[in-house]
Full PDB file with SEQRES, HELIX, SHEET, SSBOND, CRYST1, ORIGX, SCALE, CONECT and MASTER records, all heavy atoms in Angstrom:
SEQRES   1 A   39  VAL ALA PHE SER VAL ARG GLY ARG GLY PHE ALA SER VAL          
SEQRES   2 A   39  THR LYS ASP GLY ARG VAL GLN LEU HIS LEU PRO GLN GLU          
SEQRES   3 A   39  GLU THR ASP ALA ALA LEU ALA ALA HIS PRO THR GLY GLU          
HELIX    1 AA1 GLN A   25  ALA A   34  1                                  10    
SHEET    1 AA1 3 ALA A   2  VAL A   5  0                                        
SHEET    2 AA1 3 ARG A   8  VAL A  13 -1                                        
SHEET    3 AA1 3 VAL A  19  LEU A  21 -1                                        
CRYST1    1.000    1.000    1.000  90.00  90.00  90.00 P 1           1          
ORIGX1      1.000000  0.000000  0.000000        0.00000                         
ORIGX2      0.000000  1.000000  0.000000        0.00000                         
ORIGX3      0.000000  0.000000  1.000000        0.00000                         
SCALE1      1.000000  0.000000  0.000000        0.00000                         
SCALE2      0.000000  1.000000  0.000000        0.00000                         
SCALE3      0.000000  0.000000  1.000000        0.00000                         
ATOM      1  N   VAL A   1      25.226 -31.004 -23.361  1.00  0.00           N  
ATOM      2  CA  VAL A   1      24.407 -31.136 -22.169  1.00  0.00           C  
ATOM      3  C   VAL A   1      24.991 -32.401 -21.505  1.00  0.00           C  
ATOM      4  O   VAL A   1      25.203 -33.466 -22.105  1.00  0.00           O  
ATOM      5  CB  VAL A   1      22.950 -31.418 -22.477  1.00  0.00           C  
ATOM      6  CG1 VAL A   1      22.178 -31.683 -21.186  1.00  0.00           C  
ATOM      7  CG2 VAL A   1      22.366 -30.184 -23.120  1.00  0.00           C  
ATOM      8  N   ALA A   2      25.403 -32.277 -20.228  1.00  0.00           N  
ATOM      9  CA  ALA A   2      26.049 -33.346 -19.516  1.00  0.00           C  
ATOM     10  C   ALA A   2      25.503 -33.491 -18.110  1.00  0.00           C  
ATOM     11  O   ALA A   2      25.089 -32.549 -17.461  1.00  0.00           O  
ATOM     12  CB  ALA A   2      27.609 -33.106 -19.497  1.00  0.00           C  
ATOM     13  N   PHE A   3      25.600 -34.697 -17.571  1.00  0.00           N  
ATOM     14  CA  PHE A   3      25.113 -35.034 -16.350  1.00  0.00           C  
ATOM     15  C   PHE A   3      26.195 -35.707 -15.474  1.00  0.00           C  
ATOM     16  O   PHE A   3      26.888 -36.607 -16.011  1.00  0.00           O  
ATOM     17  CB  PHE A   3      23.867 -35.962 -16.330  1.00  0.00           C  
ATOM     18  CG  PHE A   3      22.781 -35.273 -17.175  1.00  0.00           C  
ATOM     19  CD1 PHE A   3      22.663 -35.532 -18.482  1.00  0.00           C  
ATOM     20  CD2 PHE A   3      21.875 -34.446 -16.546  1.00  0.00           C  
ATOM     21  CE1 PHE A   3      21.669 -34.962 -19.283  1.00  0.00           C  
ATOM     22  CE2 PHE A   3      20.857 -33.851 -17.274  1.00  0.00           C  
ATOM     23  CZ  PHE A   3      20.736 -34.115 -18.631  1.00  0.00           C  
ATOM     24  N   SER A   4      26.281 -35.339 -14.212  1.00  0.00           N  
ATOM     25  CA  SER A   4      27.329 -35.910 -13.368  1.00  0.00           C  
ATOM     26  C   SER A   4      26.856 -36.206 -11.983  1.00  0.00           C  
ATOM     27  O   SER A   4      25.772 -35.669 -11.555  1.00  0.00           O  
ATOM     28  CB  SER A   4      28.539 -34.984 -13.258  1.00  0.00           C  
ATOM     29  OG  SER A   4      28.154 -33.763 -12.657  1.00  0.00           O  
ATOM     30  N   VAL A   5      27.513 -37.056 -11.302  1.00  0.00           N  
ATOM     31  CA  VAL A   5      27.180 -37.386  -9.885  1.00  0.00           C  
ATOM     32  C   VAL A   5      28.482 -37.178  -9.105  1.00  0.00           C  
ATOM     33  O   VAL A   5      29.479 -37.725  -9.409  1.00  0.00           O  
ATOM     34  CB  VAL A   5      26.677 -38.833  -9.737  1.00  0.00           C  
ATOM     35  CG1 VAL A   5      27.591 -39.880 -10.306  1.00  0.00           C  
ATOM     36  CG2 VAL A   5      26.382 -39.131  -8.258  1.00  0.00           C  
ATOM     37  N   ARG A   6      28.414 -36.162  -8.211  1.00  0.00           N  
ATOM     38  CA  ARG A   6      29.556 -35.716  -7.419  1.00  0.00           C  
ATOM     39  C   ARG A   6      30.774 -35.501  -8.317  1.00  0.00           C  
ATOM     40  O   ARG A   6      31.879 -35.891  -8.030  1.00  0.00           O  
ATOM     41  CB  ARG A   6      29.907 -36.738  -6.405  1.00  0.00           C  
ATOM     42  CG  ARG A   6      28.851 -36.787  -5.315  1.00  0.00           C  
ATOM     43  CD  ARG A   6      29.367 -37.418  -3.987  1.00  0.00           C  
ATOM     44  NE  ARG A   6      28.281 -37.633  -3.055  1.00  0.00           N  
ATOM     45  CZ  ARG A   6      28.348 -38.407  -2.003  1.00  0.00           C  
ATOM     46  NH1 ARG A   6      29.401 -39.193  -1.855  1.00  0.00           N  
ATOM     47  NH2 ARG A   6      27.300 -38.530  -1.217  1.00  0.00           N  
ATOM     48  N   GLY A   7      30.525 -34.743  -9.388  1.00  0.00           N  
ATOM     49  CA  GLY A   7      31.590 -34.317 -10.243  1.00  0.00           C  
ATOM     50  C   GLY A   7      32.054 -35.303 -11.305  1.00  0.00           C  
ATOM     51  O   GLY A   7      32.925 -35.059 -12.056  1.00  0.00           O  
ATOM     52  N   ARG A   8      31.504 -36.519 -11.268  1.00  0.00           N  
ATOM     53  CA  ARG A   8      31.893 -37.569 -12.209  1.00  0.00           C  
ATOM     54  C   ARG A   8      30.811 -37.762 -13.309  1.00  0.00           C  
ATOM     55  O   ARG A   8      29.745 -38.171 -12.997  1.00  0.00           O  
ATOM     56  CB  ARG A   8      32.154 -38.891 -11.519  1.00  0.00           C  
ATOM     57  CG  ARG A   8      33.240 -38.785 -10.484  1.00  0.00           C  
ATOM     58  CD  ARG A   8      33.594 -40.106  -9.876  1.00  0.00           C  
ATOM     59  NE  ARG A   8      34.245 -40.895 -10.854  1.00  0.00           N  
ATOM     60  CZ  ARG A   8      34.447 -42.222 -10.749  1.00  0.00           C  
ATOM     61  NH1 ARG A   8      34.027 -42.830  -9.691  1.00  0.00           N  
ATOM     62  NH2 ARG A   8      35.084 -42.901 -11.656  1.00  0.00           N  
ATOM     63  N   GLY A   9      31.196 -37.400 -14.548  1.00  0.00           N  
ATOM     64  CA  GLY A   9      30.239 -37.430 -15.612  1.00  0.00           C  
ATOM     65  C   GLY A   9      29.795 -38.848 -15.924  1.00  0.00           C  
ATOM     66  O   GLY A   9      30.651 -39.802 -15.913  1.00  0.00           O  
ATOM     67  N   PHE A  10      28.560 -39.096 -16.229  1.00  0.00           N  
ATOM     68  CA  PHE A  10      28.061 -40.377 -16.569  1.00  0.00           C  
ATOM     69  C   PHE A  10      27.179 -40.401 -17.817  1.00  0.00           C  
ATOM     70  O   PHE A  10      26.950 -41.470 -18.466  1.00  0.00           O  
ATOM     71  CB  PHE A  10      27.402 -41.103 -15.395  1.00  0.00           C  
ATOM     72  CG  PHE A  10      26.074 -40.510 -15.020  1.00  0.00           C  
ATOM     73  CD1 PHE A  10      24.810 -40.946 -15.499  1.00  0.00           C  
ATOM     74  CD2 PHE A  10      26.010 -39.434 -14.102  1.00  0.00           C  
ATOM     75  CE1 PHE A  10      23.676 -40.436 -15.131  1.00  0.00           C  
ATOM     76  CE2 PHE A  10      24.851 -38.831 -13.731  1.00  0.00           C  
ATOM     77  CZ  PHE A  10      23.588 -39.352 -14.271  1.00  0.00           C  
ATOM     78  N   ALA A  11      26.662 -39.197 -18.234  1.00  0.00           N  
ATOM     79  CA  ALA A  11      25.798 -39.122 -19.460  1.00  0.00           C  
ATOM     80  C   ALA A  11      25.946 -37.774 -20.068  1.00  0.00           C  
ATOM     81  O   ALA A  11      26.102 -36.774 -19.350  1.00  0.00           O  
ATOM     82  CB  ALA A  11      24.381 -39.393 -19.052  1.00  0.00           C  
ATOM     83  N   SER A  12      25.944 -37.777 -21.346  1.00  0.00           N  
ATOM     84  CA  SER A  12      25.921 -36.516 -22.086  1.00  0.00           C  
ATOM     85  C   SER A  12      25.217 -36.667 -23.475  1.00  0.00           C  
ATOM     86  O   SER A  12      24.975 -37.818 -23.879  1.00  0.00           O  
ATOM     87  CB  SER A  12      27.332 -35.982 -22.309  1.00  0.00           C  
ATOM     88  OG  SER A  12      28.067 -36.919 -23.056  1.00  0.00           O  
ATOM     89  N   VAL A  13      24.939 -35.578 -24.083  1.00  0.00           N  
ATOM     90  CA  VAL A  13      24.299 -35.569 -25.375  1.00  0.00           C  
ATOM     91  C   VAL A  13      25.046 -34.711 -26.303  1.00  0.00           C  
ATOM     92  O   VAL A  13      25.295 -33.502 -26.022  1.00  0.00           O  
ATOM     93  CB  VAL A  13      22.887 -35.123 -25.322  1.00  0.00           C  
ATOM     94  CG1 VAL A  13      22.164 -35.074 -26.729  1.00  0.00           C  
ATOM     95  CG2 VAL A  13      22.000 -35.844 -24.399  1.00  0.00           C  
ATOM     96  N   THR A  14      25.502 -35.249 -27.445  1.00  0.00           N  
ATOM     97  CA  THR A  14      26.261 -34.554 -28.460  1.00  0.00           C  
ATOM     98  C   THR A  14      25.343 -33.604 -29.171  1.00  0.00           C  
ATOM     99  O   THR A  14      24.112 -33.704 -29.172  1.00  0.00           O  
ATOM    100  CB  THR A  14      26.958 -35.484 -29.512  1.00  0.00           C  
ATOM    101  OG1 THR A  14      25.970 -36.158 -30.190  1.00  0.00           O  
ATOM    102  CG2 THR A  14      27.846 -36.478 -28.832  1.00  0.00           C  
ATOM    103  N   LYS A  15      25.914 -32.627 -29.909  1.00  0.00           N  
ATOM    104  CA  LYS A  15      25.060 -31.662 -30.608  1.00  0.00           C  
ATOM    105  C   LYS A  15      24.336 -32.309 -31.760  1.00  0.00           C  
ATOM    106  O   LYS A  15      23.260 -31.841 -32.179  1.00  0.00           O  
ATOM    107  CB  LYS A  15      25.978 -30.533 -31.185  1.00  0.00           C  
ATOM    108  CG  LYS A  15      26.503 -29.684 -30.047  1.00  0.00           C  
ATOM    109  CD  LYS A  15      27.296 -28.512 -30.562  1.00  0.00           C  
ATOM    110  CE  LYS A  15      27.845 -27.743 -29.400  1.00  0.00           C  
ATOM    111  NZ  LYS A  15      28.441 -26.484 -29.690  1.00  0.00           N  
ATOM    112  N   ASP A  16      24.790 -33.509 -32.220  1.00  0.00           N  
ATOM    113  CA  ASP A  16      23.991 -34.195 -33.279  1.00  0.00           C  
ATOM    114  C   ASP A  16      23.072 -35.161 -32.716  1.00  0.00           C  
ATOM    115  O   ASP A  16      22.514 -36.012 -33.487  1.00  0.00           O  
ATOM    116  CB  ASP A  16      24.973 -34.854 -34.307  1.00  0.00           C  
ATOM    117  CG  ASP A  16      25.832 -35.908 -33.735  1.00  0.00           C  
ATOM    118  OD1 ASP A  16      25.872 -36.060 -32.489  1.00  0.00           O  
ATOM    119  OD2 ASP A  16      26.545 -36.608 -34.477  1.00  0.00           O  
ATOM    120  N   GLY A  17      22.739 -35.132 -31.389  1.00  0.00           N  
ATOM    121  CA  GLY A  17      21.699 -35.959 -30.778  1.00  0.00           C  
ATOM    122  C   GLY A  17      22.047 -37.325 -30.440  1.00  0.00           C  
ATOM    123  O   GLY A  17      21.173 -38.237 -30.424  1.00  0.00           O  
ATOM    124  N   ARG A  18      23.269 -37.630 -30.079  1.00  0.00           N  
ATOM    125  CA  ARG A  18      23.715 -38.925 -29.648  1.00  0.00           C  
ATOM    126  C   ARG A  18      23.888 -38.876 -28.126  1.00  0.00           C  
ATOM    127  O   ARG A  18      24.604 -38.003 -27.630  1.00  0.00           O  
ATOM    128  CB  ARG A  18      25.027 -39.419 -30.287  1.00  0.00           C  
ATOM    129  CG  ARG A  18      24.864 -39.624 -31.791  1.00  0.00           C  
ATOM    130  CD  ARG A  18      26.197 -40.000 -32.385  1.00  0.00           C  
ATOM    131  NE  ARG A  18      26.160 -40.150 -33.807  1.00  0.00           N  
ATOM    132  CZ  ARG A  18      25.838 -41.405 -34.360  1.00  0.00           C  
ATOM    133  NH1 ARG A  18      25.662 -42.422 -33.624  1.00  0.00           N  
ATOM    134  NH2 ARG A  18      25.772 -41.497 -35.629  1.00  0.00           N  
ATOM    135  N   VAL A  19      23.359 -39.882 -27.425  1.00  0.00           N  
ATOM    136  CA  VAL A  19      23.494 -39.912 -25.978  1.00  0.00           C  
ATOM    137  C   VAL A  19      24.793 -40.794 -25.755  1.00  0.00           C  
ATOM    138  O   VAL A  19      25.039 -41.825 -26.442  1.00  0.00           O  
ATOM    139  CB  VAL A  19      22.379 -40.580 -25.278  1.00  0.00           C  
ATOM    140  CG1 VAL A  19      22.036 -41.955 -25.679  1.00  0.00           C  
ATOM    141  CG2 VAL A  19      22.513 -40.464 -23.790  1.00  0.00           C  
ATOM    142  N   GLN A  20      25.660 -40.356 -24.917  1.00  0.00           N  
ATOM    143  CA  GLN A  20      26.891 -40.998 -24.530  1.00  0.00           C  
ATOM    144  C   GLN A  20      26.826 -41.341 -23.056  1.00  0.00           C  
ATOM    145  O   GLN A  20      26.551 -40.502 -22.236  1.00  0.00           O  
ATOM    146  CB  GLN A  20      28.062 -40.048 -24.732  1.00  0.00           C  
ATOM    147  CG  GLN A  20      28.213 -39.558 -26.098  1.00  0.00           C  
ATOM    148  CD  GLN A  20      29.501 -38.721 -26.368  1.00  0.00           C  
ATOM    149  OE1 GLN A  20      30.118 -38.881 -27.351  1.00  0.00           O  
ATOM    150  NE2 GLN A  20      29.811 -37.821 -25.470  1.00  0.00           N  
ATOM    151  N   LEU A  21      27.046 -42.633 -22.811  1.00  0.00           N  
ATOM    152  CA  LEU A  21      26.924 -43.155 -21.449  1.00  0.00           C  
ATOM    153  C   LEU A  21      28.200 -43.882 -21.032  1.00  0.00           C  
ATOM    154  O   LEU A  21      28.682 -44.728 -21.724  1.00  0.00           O  
ATOM    155  CB  LEU A  21      25.767 -44.159 -21.319  1.00  0.00           C  
ATOM    156  CG  LEU A  21      24.403 -43.468 -21.692  1.00  0.00           C  
ATOM    157  CD1 LEU A  21      23.424 -44.568 -22.117  1.00  0.00           C  
ATOM    158  CD2 LEU A  21      23.921 -42.719 -20.530  1.00  0.00           C  
ATOM    159  N   HIS A  22      28.709 -43.489 -19.886  1.00  0.00           N  
ATOM    160  CA  HIS A  22      29.963 -44.237 -19.304  1.00  0.00           C  
ATOM    161  C   HIS A  22      29.424 -45.518 -18.685  1.00  0.00           C  
ATOM    162  O   HIS A  22      28.566 -45.507 -17.820  1.00  0.00           O  
ATOM    163  CB  HIS A  22      30.586 -43.407 -18.234  1.00  0.00           C  
ATOM    164  CG  HIS A  22      31.329 -42.238 -18.796  1.00  0.00           C  
ATOM    165  ND1 HIS A  22      32.718 -42.304 -18.923  1.00  0.00           N  
ATOM    166  CD2 HIS A  22      30.975 -41.038 -19.250  1.00  0.00           C  
ATOM    167  CE1 HIS A  22      33.159 -41.176 -19.418  1.00  0.00           C  
ATOM    168  NE2 HIS A  22      32.095 -40.334 -19.650  1.00  0.00           N  
ATOM    169  N   LEU A  23      29.853 -46.613 -19.202  1.00  0.00           N  
ATOM    170  CA  LEU A  23      29.376 -47.955 -18.766  1.00  0.00           C  
ATOM    171  C   LEU A  23      30.549 -48.917 -18.634  1.00  0.00           C  
ATOM    172  O   LEU A  23      31.505 -48.817 -19.363  1.00  0.00           O  
ATOM    173  CB  LEU A  23      28.395 -48.513 -19.757  1.00  0.00           C  
ATOM    174  CG  LEU A  23      27.098 -47.816 -19.898  1.00  0.00           C  
ATOM    175  CD1 LEU A  23      26.357 -48.331 -21.188  1.00  0.00           C  
ATOM    176  CD2 LEU A  23      26.250 -47.997 -18.748  1.00  0.00           C  
ATOM    177  N   PRO A  24      30.404 -49.891 -17.766  1.00  0.00           N  
ATOM    178  CA  PRO A  24      31.387 -50.920 -17.688  1.00  0.00           C  
ATOM    179  C   PRO A  24      31.306 -51.810 -18.966  1.00  0.00           C  
ATOM    180  O   PRO A  24      30.323 -51.726 -19.693  1.00  0.00           O  
ATOM    181  CB  PRO A  24      30.944 -51.768 -16.453  1.00  0.00           C  
ATOM    182  CG  PRO A  24      29.910 -51.049 -15.745  1.00  0.00           C  
ATOM    183  CD  PRO A  24      29.347 -50.016 -16.733  1.00  0.00           C  
ATOM    184  N   GLN A  25      32.396 -52.548 -19.269  1.00  0.00           N  
ATOM    185  CA  GLN A  25      32.488 -53.278 -20.440  1.00  0.00           C  
ATOM    186  C   GLN A  25      31.338 -54.227 -20.751  1.00  0.00           C  
ATOM    187  O   GLN A  25      30.776 -54.263 -21.780  1.00  0.00           O  
ATOM    188  CB  GLN A  25      33.851 -54.025 -20.548  1.00  0.00           C  
ATOM    189  CG  GLN A  25      34.101 -54.584 -21.895  1.00  0.00           C  
ATOM    190  CD  GLN A  25      34.180 -53.554 -23.004  1.00  0.00           C  
ATOM    191  OE1 GLN A  25      34.876 -52.597 -22.897  1.00  0.00           O  
ATOM    192  NE2 GLN A  25      33.416 -53.795 -24.131  1.00  0.00           N  
ATOM    193  N   GLU A  26      30.921 -54.964 -19.686  1.00  0.00           N  
ATOM    194  CA  GLU A  26      29.787 -55.920 -19.920  1.00  0.00           C  
ATOM    195  C   GLU A  26      28.526 -55.159 -20.266  1.00  0.00           C  
ATOM    196  O   GLU A  26      27.686 -55.672 -21.069  1.00  0.00           O  
ATOM    197  CB  GLU A  26      29.618 -56.876 -18.764  1.00  0.00           C  
ATOM    198  CG  GLU A  26      29.213 -56.242 -17.443  1.00  0.00           C  
ATOM    199  CD  GLU A  26      30.356 -55.840 -16.550  1.00  0.00           C  
ATOM    200  OE1 GLU A  26      31.549 -55.984 -16.941  1.00  0.00           O  
ATOM    201  OE2 GLU A  26      30.070 -55.379 -15.448  1.00  0.00           O  
ATOM    202  N   GLU A  27      28.243 -54.062 -19.679  1.00  0.00           N  
ATOM    203  CA  GLU A  27      27.044 -53.283 -19.964  1.00  0.00           C  
ATOM    204  C   GLU A  27      27.167 -52.733 -21.335  1.00  0.00           C  
ATOM    205  O   GLU A  27      26.133 -52.635 -22.144  1.00  0.00           O  
ATOM    206  CB  GLU A  27      26.881 -52.122 -18.992  1.00  0.00           C  
ATOM    207  CG  GLU A  27      26.660 -52.598 -17.548  1.00  0.00           C  
ATOM    208  CD  GLU A  27      25.177 -52.931 -17.239  1.00  0.00           C  
ATOM    209  OE1 GLU A  27      24.278 -52.666 -18.099  1.00  0.00           O  
ATOM    210  OE2 GLU A  27      24.948 -53.411 -16.141  1.00  0.00           O  
ATOM    211  N   THR A  28      28.340 -52.240 -21.763  1.00  0.00           N  
ATOM    212  CA  THR A  28      28.561 -51.735 -23.104  1.00  0.00           C  
ATOM    213  C   THR A  28      28.294 -52.822 -24.153  1.00  0.00           C  
ATOM    214  O   THR A  28      27.639 -52.599 -25.104  1.00  0.00           O  
ATOM    215  CB  THR A  28      30.028 -51.215 -23.202  1.00  0.00           C  
ATOM    216  OG1 THR A  28      30.152 -50.124 -22.327  1.00  0.00           O  
ATOM    217  CG2 THR A  28      30.296 -50.716 -24.688  1.00  0.00           C  
ATOM    218  N   ASP A  29      28.814 -54.035 -23.899  1.00  0.00           N  
ATOM    219  CA  ASP A  29      28.652 -55.181 -24.848  1.00  0.00           C  
ATOM    220  C   ASP A  29      27.136 -55.450 -25.005  1.00  0.00           C  
ATOM    221  O   ASP A  29      26.712 -55.679 -26.096  1.00  0.00           O  
ATOM    222  CB  ASP A  29      29.405 -56.431 -24.357  1.00  0.00           C  
ATOM    223  CG  ASP A  29      30.872 -56.182 -24.412  1.00  0.00           C  
ATOM    224  OD1 ASP A  29      31.406 -55.304 -25.122  1.00  0.00           O  
ATOM    225  OD2 ASP A  29      31.644 -56.980 -23.690  1.00  0.00           O  
ATOM    226  N   ALA A  30      26.444 -55.543 -23.922  1.00  0.00           N  
ATOM    227  CA  ALA A  30      24.996 -55.787 -23.996  1.00  0.00           C  
ATOM    228  C   ALA A  30      24.222 -54.648 -24.717  1.00  0.00           C  
ATOM    229  O   ALA A  30      23.355 -54.914 -25.526  1.00  0.00           O  
ATOM    230  CB  ALA A  30      24.409 -55.922 -22.569  1.00  0.00           C  
ATOM    231  N   ALA A  31      24.614 -53.439 -24.524  1.00  0.00           N  
ATOM    232  CA  ALA A  31      23.970 -52.319 -25.180  1.00  0.00           C  
ATOM    233  C   ALA A  31      24.281 -52.329 -26.667  1.00  0.00           C  
ATOM    234  O   ALA A  31      23.392 -52.107 -27.492  1.00  0.00           O  
ATOM    235  CB  ALA A  31      24.462 -50.947 -24.594  1.00  0.00           C  
ATOM    236  N   LEU A  32      25.495 -52.654 -27.025  1.00  0.00           N  
ATOM    237  CA  LEU A  32      25.897 -52.810 -28.427  1.00  0.00           C  
ATOM    238  C   LEU A  32      25.078 -53.887 -29.161  1.00  0.00           C  
ATOM    239  O   LEU A  32      24.646 -53.748 -30.284  1.00  0.00           O  
ATOM    240  CB  LEU A  32      27.378 -52.984 -28.591  1.00  0.00           C  
ATOM    241  CG  LEU A  32      28.302 -51.816 -28.304  1.00  0.00           C  
ATOM    242  CD1 LEU A  32      29.733 -52.265 -28.130  1.00  0.00           C  
ATOM    243  CD2 LEU A  32      28.084 -50.762 -29.382  1.00  0.00           C  
ATOM    244  N   ALA A  33      24.862 -54.987 -28.459  1.00  0.00           N  
ATOM    245  CA  ALA A  33      24.110 -56.179 -28.961  1.00  0.00           C  
ATOM    246  C   ALA A  33      22.683 -55.779 -29.194  1.00  0.00           C  
ATOM    247  O   ALA A  33      22.018 -56.196 -30.155  1.00  0.00           O  
ATOM    248  CB  ALA A  33      24.294 -57.327 -28.143  1.00  0.00           C  
ATOM    249  N   ALA A  34      22.102 -54.987 -28.258  1.00  0.00           N  
ATOM    250  CA  ALA A  34      20.739 -54.640 -28.324  1.00  0.00           C  
ATOM    251  C   ALA A  34      20.415 -53.487 -29.262  1.00  0.00           C  
ATOM    252  O   ALA A  34      19.203 -53.320 -29.677  1.00  0.00           O  
ATOM    253  CB  ALA A  34      20.219 -54.278 -26.901  1.00  0.00           C  
ATOM    254  N   HIS A  35      21.382 -52.588 -29.615  1.00  0.00           N  
ATOM    255  CA  HIS A  35      21.167 -51.412 -30.377  1.00  0.00           C  
ATOM    256  C   HIS A  35      22.147 -51.412 -31.548  1.00  0.00           C  
ATOM    257  O   HIS A  35      23.251 -50.866 -31.372  1.00  0.00           O  
ATOM    258  CB  HIS A  35      21.242 -50.201 -29.480  1.00  0.00           C  
ATOM    259  CG  HIS A  35      20.354 -50.216 -28.361  1.00  0.00           C  
ATOM    260  ND1 HIS A  35      18.960 -49.948 -28.476  1.00  0.00           N  
ATOM    261  CD2 HIS A  35      20.527 -50.514 -27.043  1.00  0.00           C  
ATOM    262  CE1 HIS A  35      18.415 -50.095 -27.333  1.00  0.00           C  
ATOM    263  NE2 HIS A  35      19.360 -50.431 -26.364  1.00  0.00           N  
ATOM    264  N   PRO A  36      21.739 -51.796 -32.738  1.00  0.00           N  
ATOM    265  CA  PRO A  36      22.706 -51.903 -33.819  1.00  0.00           C  
ATOM    266  C   PRO A  36      23.223 -50.499 -34.285  1.00  0.00           C  
ATOM    267  O   PRO A  36      24.296 -50.485 -34.882  1.00  0.00           O  
ATOM    268  CB  PRO A  36      21.857 -52.575 -34.970  1.00  0.00           C  
ATOM    269  CG  PRO A  36      20.472 -52.599 -34.505  1.00  0.00           C  
ATOM    270  CD  PRO A  36      20.429 -52.322 -32.981  1.00  0.00           C  
ATOM    271  N   THR A  37      22.584 -49.454 -33.963  1.00  0.00           N  
ATOM    272  CA  THR A  37      23.096 -48.136 -34.396  1.00  0.00           C  
ATOM    273  C   THR A  37      24.031 -47.597 -33.373  1.00  0.00           C  
ATOM    274  O   THR A  37      24.545 -46.475 -33.564  1.00  0.00           O  
ATOM    275  CB  THR A  37      21.957 -47.177 -34.657  1.00  0.00           C  
ATOM    276  OG1 THR A  37      21.169 -47.004 -33.495  1.00  0.00           O  
ATOM    277  CG2 THR A  37      21.106 -47.567 -35.819  1.00  0.00           C  
ATOM    278  N   GLY A  38      24.169 -48.280 -32.259  1.00  0.00           N  
ATOM    279  CA  GLY A  38      25.125 -47.845 -31.172  1.00  0.00           C  
ATOM    280  C   GLY A  38      26.593 -48.146 -31.535  1.00  0.00           C  
ATOM    281  O   GLY A  38      26.865 -48.941 -32.466  1.00  0.00           O  
ATOM    282  N   GLU A  39      27.435 -47.471 -30.825  1.00  0.00           N  
ATOM    283  CA  GLU A  39      28.893 -47.703 -31.032  1.00  0.00           C  
ATOM    284  C   GLU A  39      29.536 -47.564 -29.718  1.00  0.00           C  
ATOM    285  O   GLU A  39      29.082 -46.890 -28.856  1.00  0.00           O  
ATOM    286  CB  GLU A  39      29.426 -46.778 -32.101  1.00  0.00           C  
ATOM    287  CG  GLU A  39      29.251 -45.303 -31.718  1.00  0.00           C  
ATOM    288  CD  GLU A  39      29.561 -44.311 -32.831  1.00  0.00           C  
ATOM    289  OE1 GLU A  39      29.504 -44.745 -34.008  1.00  0.00           O  
ATOM    290  OE2 GLU A  39      29.936 -43.146 -32.468  1.00  0.00           O  
TER     291      GLU A  39                                                      
MASTER        0    0    0    1    3    0    0    6  290    1    0    3          
END                                                                             
C-alpha cells in the first residue's frame, strides 16, 4: 500500500507491517532517536 503526491511516493506499508516514510536526513535522525525499533 503506497501513498503519493503528484506521482511522488512519500509513504508506504510493507507486507510485514512496517511504515516507510521518505524524509530529509534531519527528520530521519530525529525519528530514529525517538523510535528505537526504527531503522
